[in-house]
C-alpha atoms as a PDB file:
ATOM      1  CA  MET A   1     120.160 -15.486-142.474  1.00  0.00           C
ATOM      2  CA  ALA A   2     119.832 -12.668-139.976  1.00  0.00           C
ATOM      3  CA  LYS A   3     117.332 -11.480-137.407  1.00  0.00           C
ATOM      4  CA  ILE A   4     115.508  -8.166-137.894  1.00  0.00           C
ATOM      5  CA  LEU A   5     114.123  -6.238-134.955  1.00  0.00           C
ATOM      6  CA  TYR A   6     110.830  -4.416-135.409  1.00  0.00           C
ATOM      7  CA  VAL A   7     110.374  -1.519-132.981  1.00  0.00           C
ATOM      8  CA  VAL A   8     106.639  -0.826-132.974  1.00  0.00           C
ATOM      9  CA  THR A   9     104.510   1.797-131.271  1.00  0.00           C
ATOM     10  CA  GLY A  10     102.525   0.668-128.251  1.00  0.00           C
ATOM     11  CA  ALA A  11     100.118   3.610-128.475  1.00  0.00           C
ATOM     12  CA  ASP A  12      96.493   3.143-129.474  1.00  0.00           C
ATOM     13  CA  HIS A  13      95.786   6.886-129.733  1.00  0.00           C
ATOM     14  CA  TRP A  14      97.350  10.178-130.765  1.00  0.00           C
ATOM     15  CA  THR A  15      96.656  13.224-128.596  1.00  0.00           C
ATOM     16  CA  LEU A  16      95.664  16.191-130.758  1.00  0.00           C
ATOM     17  CA  ALA A  17      96.162  19.864-129.926  1.00  0.00           C
ATOM     18  CA  ASP A  18      92.694  20.207-128.406  1.00  0.00           C
ATOM     19  CA  GLY A  19      93.191  17.160-126.190  1.00  0.00           C
ATOM     20  CA  THR A  20      91.157  14.817-128.376  1.00  0.00           C
ATOM     21  CA  LEU A  21      92.439  11.236-128.414  1.00  0.00           C
ATOM     22  CA  HIS A  22      92.489  10.138-132.042  1.00  0.00           C
ATOM     23  CA  PRO A  23      92.414   6.314-132.353  1.00  0.00           C
ATOM     24  CA  THR A  24      95.529   5.057-134.122  1.00  0.00           C
ATOM     25  CA  GLY A  25      98.399   2.593-133.718  1.00  0.00           C
ATOM     26  CA  VAL A  26     100.722   1.049-136.291  1.00  0.00           C
ATOM     27  CA  TRP A  27      99.839   1.413-139.982  1.00  0.00           C
ATOM     28  CA  ALA A  28      99.057  -1.991-141.475  1.00  0.00           C
ATOM     29  CA  GLU A  29     100.880  -1.698-144.805  1.00  0.00           C
ATOM     30  CA  GLU A  30     104.005  -0.332-143.138  1.00  0.00           C
ATOM     31  CA  ALA A  31     104.238  -3.386-140.905  1.00  0.00           C
ATOM     32  CA  ALA A  32     103.047  -5.985-143.399  1.00  0.00           C
ATOM     33  CA  ALA A  33     104.778  -5.109-146.679  1.00  0.00           C
ATOM     34  CA  PRO A  34     108.317  -5.100-145.201  1.00  0.00           C
ATOM     35  CA  TYR A  35     107.483  -8.255-143.225  1.00  0.00           C
ATOM     36  CA  GLU A  36     106.670 -10.023-146.485  1.00  0.00           C
ATOM     37  CA  ALA A  37     109.984  -8.913-148.004  1.00  0.00           C
ATOM     38  CA  PHE A  38     112.053  -9.790-144.937  1.00  0.00           C
ATOM     39  CA  LYS A  39     110.516 -13.260-144.591  1.00  0.00           C
ATOM     40  CA  ALA A  40     110.897 -13.918-148.320  1.00  0.00           C
ATOM     41  CA  ALA A  41     114.612 -13.169-147.889  1.00  0.00           C
ATOM     42  CA  GLY A  42     114.736 -15.798-145.150  1.00  0.00           C
ATOM     43  CA  HIS A  43     115.172 -13.521-142.153  1.00  0.00           C
ATOM     44  CA  GLU A  44     113.832 -14.053-138.645  1.00  0.00           C
ATOM     45  CA  ILE A  45     111.674 -11.318-137.089  1.00  0.00           C
ATOM     46  CA  ALA A  46     111.546 -10.118-133.494  1.00  0.00           C
ATOM     47  CA  VAL A  47     109.232  -7.385-132.207  1.00  0.00           C
ATOM     48  CA  ALA A  48     109.640  -4.927-129.340  1.00  0.00           C
ATOM     49  CA  THR A  49     107.201  -2.322-128.045  1.00  0.00           C
ATOM     50  CA  PRO A  50     107.155   0.087-125.097  1.00  0.00           C
ATOM     51  CA  GLY A  51     105.994  -1.980-122.148  1.00  0.00           C
ATOM     52  CA  GLY A  52     105.767  -5.116-124.276  1.00  0.00           C
ATOM     53  CA  VAL A  53     102.152  -4.320-125.215  1.00  0.00           C
ATOM     54  CA  VAL A  54     100.656  -6.030-128.246  1.00  0.00           C
ATOM     55  CA  PRO A  55     100.525  -3.342-130.954  1.00  0.00           C
ATOM     56  CA  THR A  56      97.212  -1.879-132.007  1.00  0.00           C
ATOM     57  CA  VAL A  57      96.738  -1.782-135.774  1.00  0.00           C
ATOM     58  CA  ASP A  58      95.179   1.478-136.927  1.00  0.00           C
ATOM     59  CA  ALA A  59      91.675   0.493-138.056  1.00  0.00           C
ATOM     60  CA  GLY A  60      91.776   3.035-140.847  1.00  0.00           C
ATOM     61  CA  SER A  61      94.806   1.345-142.349  1.00  0.00           C
ATOM     62  CA  LEU A  62      92.773  -1.815-142.925  1.00  0.00           C
ATOM     63  CA  GLU A  63      90.100  -0.074-144.959  1.00  0.00           C
ATOM     64  CA  PRO A  64      89.913  -0.572-148.750  1.00  0.00           C
ATOM     65  CA  ALA A  65      90.346   3.179-149.266  1.00  0.00           C
ATOM     66  CA  ALA A  66      93.769   3.000-147.619  1.00  0.00           C
ATOM     67  CA  ASN A  67      94.880   0.006-149.673  1.00  0.00           C
ATOM     68  CA  GLY A  68      93.822   0.778-153.224  1.00  0.00           C
ATOM     69  CA  GLY A  69      90.620  -1.212-152.964  1.00  0.00           C
ATOM     70  CA  GLN A  70      89.248  -4.361-151.381  1.00  0.00           C
ATOM     71  CA  GLU A  71      91.839  -6.636-152.978  1.00  0.00           C
ATOM     72  CA  GLY A  72      94.656  -4.607-151.446  1.00  0.00           C
ATOM     73  CA  ALA A  73      92.929  -4.562-148.073  1.00  0.00           C
ATOM     74  CA  ASP A  74      92.480  -8.326-148.168  1.00  0.00           C
ATOM     75  CA  ARG A  75      96.153  -8.798-149.037  1.00  0.00           C
ATOM     76  CA  VAL A  76      97.339  -6.619-146.148  1.00  0.00           C
ATOM     77  CA  ALA A  77      94.998  -8.396-143.739  1.00  0.00           C
ATOM     78  CA  LYS A  78      96.368 -11.771-144.894  1.00  0.00           C
ATOM     79  CA  LEU A  79      99.957 -10.603-144.376  1.00  0.00           C
ATOM     80  CA  LEU A  80      99.144  -9.320-140.901  1.00  0.00           C
ATOM     81  CA  ALA A  81      97.543 -12.634-140.008  1.00  0.00           C
ATOM     82  CA  ALA A  82     100.817 -14.335-140.943  1.00  0.00           C
ATOM     83  CA  PHE A  83     102.814 -11.827-138.879  1.00  0.00           C
ATOM     84  CA  THR A  84     102.397 -13.832-135.681  1.00  0.00           C
ATOM     85  CA  GLU A  85     105.467 -12.253-134.060  1.00  0.00           C
ATOM     86  CA  LEU A  86     103.471  -9.024-133.787  1.00  0.00           C
ATOM     87  CA  GLN A  87     101.301 -10.711-131.155  1.00  0.00           C
ATOM     88  CA  HIS A  88     104.276 -11.650-128.954  1.00  0.00           C
ATOM     89  CA  PRO A  89     106.462  -8.570-128.497  1.00  0.00           C
ATOM     90  CA  MET A  90     109.216  -8.181-125.953  1.00  0.00           C
ATOM     91  CA  ARG A  91     109.559  -5.088-123.793  1.00  0.00           C
ATOM     92  CA  LEU A  92     111.602  -2.443-125.548  1.00  0.00           C
ATOM     93  CA  SER A  93     113.452  -1.925-122.271  1.00  0.00           C
ATOM     94  CA  ASP A  94     114.492  -5.601-122.346  1.00  0.00           C
ATOM     95  CA  VAL A  95     116.270  -5.419-125.700  1.00  0.00           C
ATOM     96  CA  PRO A  96     119.930  -6.044-124.730  1.00  0.00           C
ATOM     97  CA  LEU A  97     121.961  -3.135-126.078  1.00  0.00           C
ATOM     98  CA  ASP A  98     125.251  -4.894-125.402  1.00  0.00           C
ATOM     99  CA  SER A  99     124.323  -7.607-127.895  1.00  0.00           C
ATOM    100  CA  LEU A 100     122.350  -5.475-130.337  1.00  0.00           C
ATOM    101  CA  THR A 101     124.609  -6.645-133.153  1.00  0.00           C
ATOM    102  CA  GLU A 102     122.728  -9.960-133.114  1.00  0.00           C
ATOM    103  CA  TYR A 103     120.239  -8.071-135.288  1.00  0.00           C
ATOM    104  CA  GLY A 104     121.078  -7.548-138.935  1.00  0.00           C
ATOM    105  CA  ALA A 105     118.779  -4.530-139.107  1.00  0.00           C
ATOM    106  CA  ILE A 106     116.248  -2.570-137.081  1.00  0.00           C
ATOM    107  CA  PHE A 107     112.957  -1.438-138.576  1.00  0.00           C
ATOM    108  CA  TYR A 108     110.413   1.099-137.327  1.00  0.00           C
ATOM    109  CA  PRO A 109     106.967   1.064-139.026  1.00  0.00           C
ATOM    110  CA  GLY A 110     104.796   4.147-138.720  1.00  0.00           C
ATOM    111  CA  GLY A 111     101.217   5.162-138.191  1.00  0.00           C
ATOM    112  CA  HIS A 112     100.454   8.123-135.936  1.00  0.00           C
ATOM    113  CA  GLY A 113     101.293   5.977-132.895  1.00  0.00           C
ATOM    114  CA  PRO A 114     105.031   6.833-132.844  1.00  0.00           C
ATOM    115  CA  MET A 115     104.091  10.519-132.557  1.00  0.00           C
ATOM    116  CA  GLU A 116     102.490   9.629-129.211  1.00  0.00           C
ATOM    117  CA  ASP A 117     105.093   7.368-127.599  1.00  0.00           C
ATOM    118  CA  LEU A 118     108.318   6.771-129.518  1.00  0.00           C
ATOM    119  CA  ALA A 119     108.992  10.475-130.062  1.00  0.00           C
ATOM    120  CA  GLY A 120     109.981  10.713-126.401  1.00  0.00           C
ATOM    121  CA  ASP A 121     110.858   7.119-125.524  1.00  0.00           C
ATOM    122  CA  ARG A 122     114.230   6.800-123.756  1.00  0.00           C
ATOM    123  CA  ASP A 123     114.608   3.081-124.463  1.00  0.00           C
ATOM    124  CA  SER A 124     114.051   3.638-128.170  1.00  0.00           C
ATOM    125  CA  ALA A 125     116.502   6.550-128.098  1.00  0.00           C
ATOM    126  CA  ALA A 126     119.176   4.402-126.452  1.00  0.00           C
ATOM    127  CA  LEU A 127     118.602   1.660-129.011  1.00  0.00           C
ATOM    128  CA  LEU A 128     118.917   4.111-131.916  1.00  0.00           C
ATOM    129  CA  LEU A 129     122.124   5.581-130.539  1.00  0.00           C
ATOM    130  CA  ARG A 130     123.669   2.131-130.072  1.00  0.00           C
ATOM    131  CA  ALA A 131     122.542   1.076-133.564  1.00  0.00           C
ATOM    132  CA  LEU A 132     124.277   4.126-135.052  1.00  0.00           C
ATOM    133  CA  ASP A 133     127.443   3.452-133.091  1.00  0.00           C
ATOM    134  CA  GLU A 134     127.449  -0.225-134.095  1.00  0.00           C
ATOM    135  CA  GLY A 135     126.666   0.462-137.760  1.00  0.00           C
ATOM    136  CA  ILE A 136     123.425  -1.536-137.732  1.00  0.00           C
ATOM    137  CA  PRO A 137     121.145  -0.634-140.680  1.00  0.00           C
ATOM    138  CA  LEU A 138     118.038   1.308-139.647  1.00  0.00           C
ATOM    139  CA  GLY A 139     114.792   1.423-141.617  1.00  0.00           C
ATOM    140  CA  VAL A 140     112.244   4.041-140.527  1.00  0.00           C
ATOM    141  CA  VAL A 141     109.073   4.889-142.441  1.00  0.00           C
ATOM    142  CA  CYS A 142     106.288   7.501-142.540  1.00  0.00           C
ATOM    143  CA  HIS A 143     105.549   8.795-138.983  1.00  0.00           C
ATOM    144  CA  ALA A 144     108.107   6.491-137.356  1.00  0.00           C
ATOM    145  CA  PRO A 145     110.930   9.053-137.857  1.00  0.00           C
ATOM    146  CA  ALA A 146     109.318  10.746-134.852  1.00  0.00           C
ATOM    147  CA  ALA A 147     111.427   8.263-132.875  1.00  0.00           C
ATOM    148  CA  LEU A 148     114.581   9.919-134.215  1.00  0.00           C
ATOM    149  CA  LEU A 149     113.700  13.101-132.306  1.00  0.00           C
ATOM    150  CA  ALA A 150     114.520  11.399-128.997  1.00  0.00           C
ATOM    151  CA  ALA A 151     117.998  10.257-130.086  1.00  0.00           C
ATOM    152  CA  VAL A 152     120.100  12.916-128.373  1.00  0.00           C
ATOM    153  CA  ARG A 153     123.750  12.500-127.386  1.00  0.00           C
ATOM    154  CA  ASP A 154     125.032  13.245-123.889  1.00  0.00           C
ATOM    155  CA  ASP A 155     126.367  16.589-125.121  1.00  0.00           C
ATOM    156  CA  GLY A 156     122.896  17.605-126.334  1.00  0.00           C
ATOM    157  CA  ARG A 157     123.491  16.973-130.047  1.00  0.00           C
ATOM    158  CA  HIS A 158     120.738  15.302-132.045  1.00  0.00           C
ATOM    159  CA  ALA A 159     122.275  12.104-133.366  1.00  0.00           C
ATOM    160  CA  PHE A 160     120.531  12.412-136.729  1.00  0.00           C
ATOM    161  CA  SER A 161     121.296  16.094-137.271  1.00  0.00           C
ATOM    162  CA  GLY A 162     122.807  16.503-140.735  1.00  0.00           C
ATOM    163  CA  TYR A 163     121.322  13.261-142.067  1.00  0.00           C
ATOM    164  CA  ARG A 164     119.397  13.301-145.320  1.00  0.00           C
ATOM    165  CA  LEU A 165     116.030  11.739-144.576  1.00  0.00           C
ATOM    166  CA  THR A 166     112.332  11.819-145.294  1.00  0.00           C
ATOM    167  CA  ALA A 167     109.079  11.209-143.417  1.00  0.00           C
ATOM    168  CA  PHE A 168     105.370  11.966-143.667  1.00  0.00           C
ATOM    169  CA  THR A 169     105.278  15.510-144.980  1.00  0.00           C
ATOM    170  CA  ASN A 170     103.340  18.599-143.948  1.00  0.00           C
ATOM    171  CA  ALA A 171     101.528  18.453-147.284  1.00  0.00           C
ATOM    172  CA  GLU A 172     100.451  14.856-146.668  1.00  0.00           C
ATOM    173  CA  GLU A 173      99.361  15.667-143.120  1.00  0.00           C
ATOM    174  CA  ALA A 174      97.256  18.518-144.495  1.00  0.00           C
ATOM    175  CA  GLN A 175      95.651  16.273-147.093  1.00  0.00           C
ATOM    176  CA  ALA A 176      94.981  13.668-144.407  1.00  0.00           C
ATOM    177  CA  GLY A 177      93.113  16.352-142.448  1.00  0.00           C
ATOM    178  CA  PHE A 178      95.397  16.567-139.410  1.00  0.00           C
ATOM    179  CA  ALA A 179      97.792  19.453-140.091  1.00  0.00           C
ATOM    180  CA  ASN A 180      95.548  21.947-138.304  1.00  0.00           C
ATOM    181  CA  LYS A 181      94.739  19.524-135.471  1.00  0.00           C
ATOM    182  CA  ALA A 182      98.196  18.255-134.517  1.00  0.00           C
ATOM    183  CA  LYS A 183     100.270  19.592-131.625  1.00  0.00           C
ATOM    184  CA  TRP A 184     103.256  19.554-133.951  1.00  0.00           C
ATOM    185  CA  LEU A 185     104.171  18.419-137.436  1.00  0.00           C
ATOM    186  CA  LEU A 186     106.838  15.812-138.032  1.00  0.00           C
ATOM    187  CA  GLN A 187     108.507  17.515-140.979  1.00  0.00           C
ATOM    188  CA  ASP A 188     108.873  20.712-138.951  1.00  0.00           C
ATOM    189  CA  ARG A 189     110.397  18.939-135.949  1.00  0.00           C
ATOM    190  CA  LEU A 190     112.842  16.906-138.028  1.00  0.00           C
ATOM    191  CA  THR A 191     113.956  20.032-139.877  1.00  0.00           C
ATOM    192  CA  ALA A 192     114.374  21.932-136.609  1.00  0.00           C
ATOM    193  CA  MET A 193     116.427  18.994-135.313  1.00  0.00           C
ATOM    194  CA  GLY A 194     118.905  19.633-138.093  1.00  0.00           C
ATOM    195  CA  ALA A 195     117.896  16.898-140.531  1.00  0.00           C
ATOM    196  CA  ARG A 196     118.205  17.562-144.255  1.00  0.00           C
ATOM    197  CA  PHE A 197     114.580  16.798-145.029  1.00  0.00           C
ATOM    198  CA  GLN A 198     113.749  15.632-148.549  1.00  0.00           C
ATOM    199  CA  GLU A 199     110.232  15.240-149.923  1.00  0.00           C
ATOM    200  CA  LYS A 200     108.458  14.298-153.104  1.00  0.00           C
ATOM    201  CA  GLU A 201     104.857  14.751-154.154  1.00  0.00           C
ATOM    202  CA  PRO A 202     102.302  13.548-151.609  1.00  0.00           C
ATOM    203  CA  TRP A 203     101.659   9.799-151.416  1.00  0.00           C
ATOM    204  CA  ALA A 204     104.308   8.863-154.005  1.00  0.00           C
ATOM    205  CA  PRO A 205     106.907   6.259-152.990  1.00  0.00           C
ATOM    206  CA  HIS A 206     110.074   8.001-151.834  1.00  0.00           C
ATOM    207  CA  VAL A 207     113.064   6.467-150.061  1.00  0.00           C
ATOM    208  CA  VAL A 208     116.170   8.300-148.851  1.00  0.00           C
ATOM    209  CA  THR A 209     119.376   6.547-147.801  1.00  0.00           C
ATOM    210  CA  ASP A 210     122.145   8.236-145.829  1.00  0.00           C
ATOM    211  CA  ARG A 211     124.867   6.116-144.264  1.00  0.00           C
ATOM    212  CA  THR A 212     123.128   3.341-142.283  1.00  0.00           C
ATOM    213  CA  LEU A 213     119.755   5.130-142.210  1.00  0.00           C
ATOM    214  CA  VAL A 214     117.002   4.334-144.727  1.00  0.00           C
ATOM    215  CA  THR A 215     113.809   6.371-144.470  1.00  0.00           C
ATOM    216  CA  GLY A 216     110.494   6.297-146.349  1.00  0.00           C
ATOM    217  CA  GLN A 217     108.045   9.162-146.815  1.00  0.00           C
ATOM    218  CA  ASN A 218     104.680   7.408-146.573  1.00  0.00           C
ATOM    219  CA  PRO A 219     102.925   4.016-146.590  1.00  0.00           C
ATOM    220  CA  ALA A 220     103.647   3.522-150.302  1.00  0.00           C
ATOM    221  CA  SER A 221     107.349   3.806-149.467  1.00  0.00           C
ATOM    222  CA  SER A 222     107.397   0.868-147.046  1.00  0.00           C
ATOM    223  CA  ALA A 223     107.916  -1.903-149.615  1.00  0.00           C
ATOM    224  CA  PRO A 224     110.706  -0.099-151.529  1.00  0.00           C
ATOM    225  CA  LEU A 225     112.300   0.825-148.196  1.00  0.00           C
ATOM    226  CA  ALA A 226     112.428  -2.853-147.274  1.00  0.00           C
ATOM    227  CA  VAL A 227     114.274  -3.571-150.529  1.00  0.00           C
ATOM    228  CA  GLU A 228     116.868  -0.908-149.712  1.00  0.00           C
ATOM    229  CA  LEU A 229     117.238  -2.121-146.135  1.00  0.00           C
ATOM    230  CA  LEU A 230     117.887  -5.651-147.357  1.00  0.00           C
ATOM    231  CA  LYS A 231     120.601  -4.271-149.622  1.00  0.00           C
ATOM    232  CA  LYS A 232     122.189  -2.568-146.609  1.00  0.00           C
ATOM    233  CA  MET A 233     122.201  -5.905-144.841  1.00  0.00           C
ATOM    234  CA  GLY A 234     124.129  -7.396-147.734  1.00  0.00           C
END
């Protein structure tokens, strides 16, 4: 079996256009549902965050309303309790790029947190570039594709320009109540980067695969994304 590296936001807030700090972090389902699938397949999990901080779980993502009811919320909470690796992350800067191939895949869960830190994180960018060059499967879901924005080659080219991908859409951000509050919208930035953005109706599961990159549109896409990522791992 292989080892899968989770790259998780270390942010506990998202700075809105008016300067307000909106409490956030990693979205529970997006961390927990793939974890369940990866562990069931027998894989080992490692976690890295900027600065090695223990990730903050977005409180809203633990609410019944975000999980289809109390039963769903209880299930996600149980999975997170089993995800003990999340409490012992390494520093993202300490992930050895020269031996990155020891990981069978790299996975980025979302939440608004990545919009705050991973969108401009140099260590994450270097990791993504090396993963592309080494052919390591990448799974990135919901707001986590913000991390792809930082992956720029030495010649100024965006490494993921031309890739078919998806992420949390403008329509979903509007329905979530943040489209008019955000400094920028993820779909707009990814499109401007040169990505071939693909979307389905809001909140429906949607996974896009292009080469070694597997992306998911929203929280409901995290479990099916994990299935596709496992297929990429062989």
